[in-house]
Amino acid sequence: MKNRLKVFRAEHNLSQDELAKRLNISRQAIHSIEKGKYPPNLKLAFRIARVFQANVEDIFIYEEIEVYK
């Protein structure tokens, strides 16, 4: 899942560590989410959006994968 988390962090002058502390998760988790290695669960995605006073869809971009028969 692609995301704009790094952009939102920069716009709000937050480091990965600062955001992680606000969310009570590790800095490594923030890094992994930003790199697309770890998609957050729905609860965490909403918590992240709440920090930035944004919609989940503004931060996380869902891309449906087409399956060909």
PDB file of N, CA and C in Angstrom:
ATOM      1  N   MET A   1       0.841  -1.167   0.000  1.00  0.00           N
ATOM      2  CA  MET A   1       0.000   0.000   0.000  1.00  0.00           C
ATOM      3  C   MET A   1       0.894   1.241   0.000  1.00  0.00           C
ATOM      4  N   LYS A   2       0.656   2.114  -0.954  1.00  0.00           N
ATOM      5  CA  LYS A   2       1.416   3.356  -1.005  1.00  0.00           C
ATOM      6  C   LYS A   2       0.839   4.333   0.009  1.00  0.00           C
ATOM      7  N   ASN A   3       1.676   5.288   0.400  1.00  0.00           N
ATOM      8  CA  ASN A   3       1.200   6.274   1.364  1.00  0.00           C
ATOM      9  C   ASN A   3       1.948   7.590   1.206  1.00  0.00           C
ATOM     10  N   ARG A   4       1.400   8.608   1.840  1.00  0.00           N
ATOM     11  CA  ARG A   4       1.996   9.937   1.833  1.00  0.00           C
ATOM     12  C   ARG A   4       2.407  10.339   3.250  1.00  0.00           C
ATOM     13  N   LEU A   5       2.706   9.358   4.073  1.00  0.00           N
ATOM     14  CA  LEU A   5       3.014   9.621   5.469  1.00  0.00           C
ATOM     15  C   LEU A   5       4.226  10.534   5.624  1.00  0.00           C
ATOM     16  N   LYS A   6       5.260  10.296   4.854  1.00  0.00           N
ATOM     17  CA  LYS A   6       6.468  11.125   4.944  1.00  0.00           C
ATOM     18  C   LYS A   6       6.152  12.577   4.599  1.00  0.00           C
ATOM     19  N   VAL A   7       5.309  12.785   3.609  1.00  0.00           N
ATOM     20  CA  VAL A   7       4.895  14.141   3.208  1.00  0.00           C
ATOM     21  C   VAL A   7       4.136  14.814   4.344  1.00  0.00           C
ATOM     22  N   PHE A   8       3.186  14.098   4.940  1.00  0.00           N
ATOM     23  CA  PHE A   8       2.416  14.657   6.051  1.00  0.00           C
ATOM     24  C   PHE A   8       3.323  14.976   7.235  1.00  0.00           C
ATOM     25  N   ARG A   9       4.285  14.096   7.514  1.00  0.00           N
ATOM     26  CA  ARG A   9       5.217  14.366   8.606  1.00  0.00           C
ATOM     27  C   ARG A   9       6.005  15.643   8.350  1.00  0.00           C
ATOM     28  N   ALA A  10       6.487  15.789   7.116  1.00  0.00           N
ATOM     29  CA  ALA A  10       7.274  16.979   6.764  1.00  0.00           C
ATOM     30  C   ALA A  10       6.433  18.250   6.873  1.00  0.00           C
ATOM     31  N   GLU A  11       5.191  18.180   6.411  1.00  0.00           N
ATOM     32  CA  GLU A  11       4.308  19.347   6.473  1.00  0.00           C
ATOM     33  C   GLU A  11       4.022  19.769   7.914  1.00  0.00           C
ATOM     34  N   HIS A  12       4.089  18.806   8.843  1.00  0.00           N
ATOM     35  CA  HIS A  12       3.815  19.086  10.249  1.00  0.00           C
ATOM     36  C   HIS A  12       5.088  19.137  11.101  1.00  0.00           C
ATOM     37  N   ASN A  13       6.231  19.142  10.423  1.00  0.00           N
ATOM     38  CA  ASN A  13       7.534  19.225  11.100  1.00  0.00           C
ATOM     39  C   ASN A  13       7.697  18.176  12.205  1.00  0.00           C
ATOM     40  N   LEU A  14       7.338  16.953  11.891  1.00  0.00           N
ATOM     41  CA  LEU A  14       7.471  15.850  12.844  1.00  0.00           C
ATOM     42  C   LEU A  14       8.531  14.871  12.354  1.00  0.00           C
ATOM     43  N   SER A  15       9.388  14.445  13.249  1.00  0.00           N
ATOM     44  CA  SER A  15      10.339  13.387  12.912  1.00  0.00           C
ATOM     45  C   SER A  15       9.627  12.037  13.053  1.00  0.00           C
ATOM     46  N   GLN A  16      10.263  10.999  12.550  1.00  0.00           N
ATOM     47  CA  GLN A  16       9.706   9.657  12.720  1.00  0.00           C
ATOM     48  C   GLN A  16       9.575   9.340  14.201  1.00  0.00           C
ATOM     49  N   ASP A  17      10.565   9.730  14.970  1.00  0.00           N
ATOM     50  CA  ASP A  17      10.561   9.453  16.405  1.00  0.00           C
ATOM     51  C   ASP A  17       9.415  10.187  17.106  1.00  0.00           C
ATOM     52  N   GLU A  18       9.197  11.447  16.763  1.00  0.00           N
ATOM     53  CA  GLU A  18       8.115  12.219  17.386  1.00  0.00           C
ATOM     54  C   GLU A  18       6.745  11.620  17.072  1.00  0.00           C
ATOM     55  N   LEU A  19       6.554  11.246  15.811  1.00  0.00           N
ATOM     56  CA  LEU A  19       5.286  10.639  15.427  1.00  0.00           C
ATOM     57  C   LEU A  19       5.097   9.303  16.131  1.00  0.00           C
ATOM     58  N   ALA A  20       6.148   8.517  16.187  1.00  0.00           N
ATOM     59  CA  ALA A  20       6.075   7.215  16.853  1.00  0.00           C
ATOM     60  C   ALA A  20       5.673   7.377  18.318  1.00  0.00           C
ATOM     61  N   LYS A  21       6.244   8.360  18.989  1.00  0.00           N
ATOM     62  CA  LYS A  21       5.906   8.595  20.394  1.00  0.00           C
ATOM     63  C   LYS A  21       4.440   8.991  20.546  1.00  0.00           C
ATOM     64  N   ARG A  22       3.928   9.820  19.643  1.00  0.00           N
ATOM     65  CA  ARG A  22       2.514  10.218  19.697  1.00  0.00           C
ATOM     66  C   ARG A  22       1.585   9.025  19.513  1.00  0.00           C
ATOM     67  N   LEU A  23       2.032   8.060  18.705  1.00  0.00           N
ATOM     68  CA  LEU A  23       1.200   6.896  18.396  1.00  0.00           C
ATOM     69  C   LEU A  23       1.492   5.711  19.309  1.00  0.00           C
ATOM     70  N   ASN A  24       2.520   5.848  20.141  1.00  0.00           N
ATOM     71  CA  ASN A  24       2.935   4.774  21.042  1.00  0.00           C
ATOM     72  C   ASN A  24       3.343   3.509  20.271  1.00  0.00           C
ATOM     73  N   ILE A  25       4.109   3.735  19.194  1.00  0.00           N
ATOM     74  CA  ILE A  25       4.681   2.638  18.419  1.00  0.00           C
ATOM     75  C   ILE A  25       6.162   2.942  18.216  1.00  0.00           C
ATOM     76  N   SER A  26       6.891   2.042  17.596  1.00  0.00           N
ATOM     77  CA  SER A  26       8.326   2.254  17.404  1.00  0.00           C
ATOM     78  C   SER A  26       8.604   3.135  16.186  1.00  0.00           C
ATOM     79  N   ARG A  27       9.777   3.771  16.228  1.00  0.00           N
ATOM     80  CA  ARG A  27      10.220   4.562  15.081  1.00  0.00           C
ATOM     81  C   ARG A  27      10.411   3.651  13.872  1.00  0.00           C
ATOM     82  N   GLN A  28      10.856   2.430  14.120  1.00  0.00           N
ATOM     83  CA  GLN A  28      11.056   1.473  13.035  1.00  0.00           C
ATOM     84  C   GLN A  28       9.733   1.151  12.343  1.00  0.00           C
ATOM     85  N   ALA A  29       8.637   1.117  13.100  1.00  0.00           N
ATOM     86  CA  ALA A  29       7.321   0.865  12.495  1.00  0.00           C
ATOM     87  C   ALA A  29       6.947   2.008  11.555  1.00  0.00           C
ATOM     88  N   ILE A  30       7.212   3.244  11.973  1.00  0.00           N
ATOM     89  CA  ILE A  30       6.940   4.403  11.107  1.00  0.00           C
ATOM     90  C   ILE A  30       7.768   4.296   9.838  1.00  0.00           C
ATOM     91  N   HIS A  31       9.031   3.976  10.003  1.00  0.00           N
ATOM     92  CA  HIS A  31       9.928   3.823   8.843  1.00  0.00           C
ATOM     93  C   HIS A  31       9.395   2.756   7.882  1.00  0.00           C
ATOM     94  N   SER A  32       8.991   1.621   8.416  1.00  0.00           N
ATOM     95  CA  SER A  32       8.484   0.519   7.586  1.00  0.00           C
ATOM     96  C   SER A  32       7.188   0.893   6.870  1.00  0.00           C
ATOM     97  N   ILE A  33       6.322   1.629   7.554  1.00  0.00           N
ATOM     98  CA  ILE A  33       5.075   2.084   6.923  1.00  0.00           C
ATOM     99  C   ILE A  33       5.402   3.034   5.777  1.00  0.00           C
ATOM    100  N   GLU A  34       6.291   3.992   6.025  1.00  0.00           N
ATOM    101  CA  GLU A  34       6.658   4.964   4.985  1.00  0.00           C
ATOM    102  C   GLU A  34       7.269   4.289   3.760  1.00  0.00           C
ATOM    103  N   LYS A  35       8.053   3.262   3.978  1.00  0.00           N
ATOM    104  CA  LYS A  35       8.706   2.547   2.870  1.00  0.00           C
ATOM    105  C   LYS A  35       7.780   1.548   2.178  1.00  0.00           C
ATOM    106  N   GLY A  36       6.569   1.368   2.713  1.00  0.00           N
ATOM    107  CA  GLY A  36       5.626   0.439   2.107  1.00  0.00           C
ATOM    108  C   GLY A  36       5.892  -1.009   2.452  1.00  0.00           C
ATOM    109  N   LYS A  37       6.754  -1.241   3.427  1.00  0.00           N
ATOM    110  CA  LYS A  37       7.079  -2.608   3.823  1.00  0.00           C
ATOM    111  C   LYS A  37       6.049  -3.178   4.784  1.00  0.00           C
ATOM    112  N   TYR A  38       5.344  -2.300   5.475  1.00  0.00           N
ATOM    113  CA  TYR A  38       4.387  -2.720   6.499  1.00  0.00           C
ATOM    114  C   TYR A  38       3.121  -1.879   6.370  1.00  0.00           C
ATOM    115  N   PRO A  39       2.021  -2.475   5.934  1.00  0.00           N
ATOM    116  CA  PRO A  39       0.769  -1.707   5.889  1.00  0.00           C
ATOM    117  C   PRO A  39       0.151  -1.675   7.293  1.00  0.00           C
ATOM    118  N   PRO A  40      -0.207  -0.493   7.766  1.00  0.00           N
ATOM    119  CA  PRO A  40      -0.787  -0.430   9.111  1.00  0.00           C
ATOM    120  C   PRO A  40      -2.166  -1.069   9.141  1.00  0.00           C
ATOM    121  N   ASN A  41      -2.540  -1.590  10.297  1.00  0.00           N
ATOM    122  CA  ASN A  41      -3.901  -2.097  10.408  1.00  0.00           C
ATOM    123  C   ASN A  41      -4.853  -0.901  10.409  1.00  0.00           C
ATOM    124  N   LEU A  42      -6.117  -1.168  10.290  1.00  0.00           N
ATOM    125  CA  LEU A  42      -7.106  -0.103  10.155  1.00  0.00           C
ATOM    126  C   LEU A  42      -7.101   0.840  11.356  1.00  0.00           C
ATOM    127  N   LYS A  43      -6.992   0.275  12.541  1.00  0.00           N
ATOM    128  CA  LYS A  43      -6.984   1.090  13.758  1.00  0.00           C
ATOM    129  C   LYS A  43      -5.802   2.059  13.760  1.00  0.00           C
ATOM    130  N   LEU A  44      -4.619   1.582  13.412  1.00  0.00           N
ATOM    131  CA  LEU A  44      -3.439   2.437  13.371  1.00  0.00           C
ATOM    132  C   LEU A  44      -3.561   3.485  12.271  1.00  0.00           C
ATOM    133  N   ALA A  45      -4.092   3.102  11.124  1.00  0.00           N
ATOM    134  CA  ALA A  45      -4.268   4.062  10.026  1.00  0.00           C
ATOM    135  C   ALA A  45      -5.158   5.222  10.462  1.00  0.00           C
ATOM    136  N   PHE A  46      -6.232   4.925  11.188  1.00  0.00           N
ATOM    137  CA  PHE A  46      -7.109   5.983  11.684  1.00  0.00           C
ATOM    138  C   PHE A  46      -6.416   6.846  12.736  1.00  0.00           C
ATOM    139  N   ARG A  47      -5.603   6.221  13.585  1.00  0.00           N
ATOM    140  CA  ARG A  47      -4.870   6.988  14.591  1.00  0.00           C
ATOM    141  C   ARG A  47      -3.875   7.933  13.938  1.00  0.00           C
ATOM    142  N   ILE A  48      -3.197   7.456  12.887  1.00  0.00           N
ATOM    143  CA  ILE A  48      -2.255   8.296  12.151  1.00  0.00           C
ATOM    144  C   ILE A  48      -2.999   9.471  11.513  1.00  0.00           C
ATOM    145  N   ALA A  49      -4.106   9.186  10.868  1.00  0.00           N
ATOM    146  CA  ALA A  49      -4.894  10.247  10.229  1.00  0.00           C
ATOM    147  C   ALA A  49      -5.351  11.284  11.256  1.00  0.00           C
ATOM    148  N   ARG A  50      -5.730  10.825  12.423  1.00  0.00           N
ATOM    149  CA  ARG A  50      -6.196  11.735  13.480  1.00  0.00           C
ATOM    150  C   ARG A  50      -5.084  12.689  13.913  1.00  0.00           C
ATOM    151  N   VAL A  51      -3.852  12.215  13.984  1.00  0.00           N
ATOM    152  CA  VAL A  51      -2.723  13.071  14.356  1.00  0.00           C
ATOM    153  C   VAL A  51      -2.619  14.248  13.388  1.00  0.00           C
ATOM    154  N   PHE A  52      -2.846  13.970  12.106  1.00  0.00           N
ATOM    155  CA  PHE A  52      -2.710  15.004  11.078  1.00  0.00           C
ATOM    156  C   PHE A  52      -4.027  15.692  10.745  1.00  0.00           C
ATOM    157  N   GLN A  53      -5.077  15.336  11.458  1.00  0.00           N
ATOM    158  CA  GLN A  53      -6.421  15.876  11.202  1.00  0.00           C
ATOM    159  C   GLN A  53      -6.758  15.751   9.710  1.00  0.00           C
ATOM    160  N   ALA A  54      -6.578  14.545   9.205  1.00  0.00           N
ATOM    161  CA  ALA A  54      -6.804  14.243   7.793  1.00  0.00           C
ATOM    162  C   ALA A  54      -7.643  12.973   7.686  1.00  0.00           C
ATOM    163  N   ASN A  55      -8.119  12.716   6.490  1.00  0.00           N
ATOM    164  CA  ASN A  55      -8.815  11.467   6.212  1.00  0.00           C
ATOM    165  C   ASN A  55      -7.785  10.373   5.939  1.00  0.00           C
ATOM    166  N   VAL A  56      -8.127   9.157   6.265  1.00  0.00           N
ATOM    167  CA  VAL A  56      -7.236   8.025   6.002  1.00  0.00           C
ATOM    168  C   VAL A  56      -6.857   7.994   4.523  1.00  0.00           C
ATOM    169  N   GLU A  57      -7.832   8.274   3.657  1.00  0.00           N
ATOM    170  CA  GLU A  57      -7.598   8.230   2.212  1.00  0.00           C
ATOM    171  C   GLU A  57      -6.631   9.310   1.736  1.00  0.00           C
ATOM    172  N   ASP A  58      -6.448  10.366   2.521  1.00  0.00           N
ATOM    173  CA  ASP A  58      -5.491  11.413   2.163  1.00  0.00           C
ATOM    174  C   ASP A  58      -4.058  10.950   2.376  1.00  0.00           C
ATOM    175  N   ILE A  59      -3.874  10.021   3.297  1.00  0.00           N
ATOM    176  CA  ILE A  59      -2.535   9.546   3.646  1.00  0.00           C
ATOM    177  C   ILE A  59      -2.202   8.217   2.983  1.00  0.00           C
ATOM    178  N   PHE A  60      -3.171   7.309   2.965  1.00  0.00           N
ATOM    179  CA  PHE A  60      -2.938   5.965   2.437  1.00  0.00           C
ATOM    180  C   PHE A  60      -3.676   5.777   1.119  1.00  0.00           C
ATOM    181  N   ILE A  61      -2.945   5.293   0.119  1.00  0.00           N
ATOM    182  CA  ILE A  61      -3.497   5.120  -1.226  1.00  0.00           C
ATOM    183  C   ILE A  61      -3.701   3.636  -1.491  1.00  0.00           C
ATOM    184  N   TYR A  62      -4.962   3.277  -1.618  1.00  0.00           N
ATOM    185  CA  TYR A  62      -5.299   1.878  -1.886  1.00  0.00           C
ATOM    186  C   TYR A  62      -5.237   1.644  -3.386  1.00  0.00           C
ATOM    187  N   GLU A  63      -4.499   0.621  -3.787  1.00  0.00           N
ATOM    188  CA  GLU A  63      -4.405   0.250  -5.195  1.00  0.00           C
ATOM    189  C   GLU A  63      -4.868  -1.167  -5.348  1.00  0.00           C
ATOM    190  N   GLU A  64      -5.982  -1.323  -6.013  1.00  0.00           N
ATOM    191  CA  GLU A  64      -6.513  -2.656  -6.223  1.00  0.00           C
ATOM    192  C   GLU A  64      -5.706  -3.358  -7.307  1.00  0.00           C
ATOM    193  N   ILE A  65      -5.322  -4.569  -7.015  1.00  0.00           N
ATOM    194  CA  ILE A  65      -4.550  -5.356  -7.966  1.00  0.00           C
ATOM    195  C   ILE A  65      -5.502  -6.134  -8.851  1.00  0.00           C
ATOM    196  N   GLU A  66      -5.334  -5.958 -10.153  1.00  0.00           N
ATOM    197  CA  GLU A  66      -6.194  -6.683 -11.072  1.00  0.00           C
ATOM    198  C   GLU A  66      -5.674  -8.105 -11.241  1.00  0.00           C
ATOM    199  N   VAL A  67      -6.592  -9.035 -11.191  1.00  0.00           N
ATOM    200  CA  VAL A  67      -6.228 -10.445 -11.380  1.00  0.00           C
ATOM    201  C   VAL A  67      -6.749 -10.863 -12.745  1.00  0.00           C
ATOM    202  N   TYR A  68      -5.833 -11.326 -13.568  1.00  0.00           N
ATOM    203  CA  TYR A  68      -6.212 -11.763 -14.919  1.00  0.00           C
ATOM    204  C   TYR A  68      -6.413 -13.269 -14.925  1.00  0.00           C
ATOM    205  N   LYS A  69      -7.449 -13.696 -15.607  1.00  0.00           N
ATOM    206  CA  LYS A  69      -7.744 -15.128 -15.696  1.00  0.00           C
ATOM    207  C   LYS A  69      -7.008 -15.771 -16.825  1.00  0.00           C
TER     208      LYS A  69
END
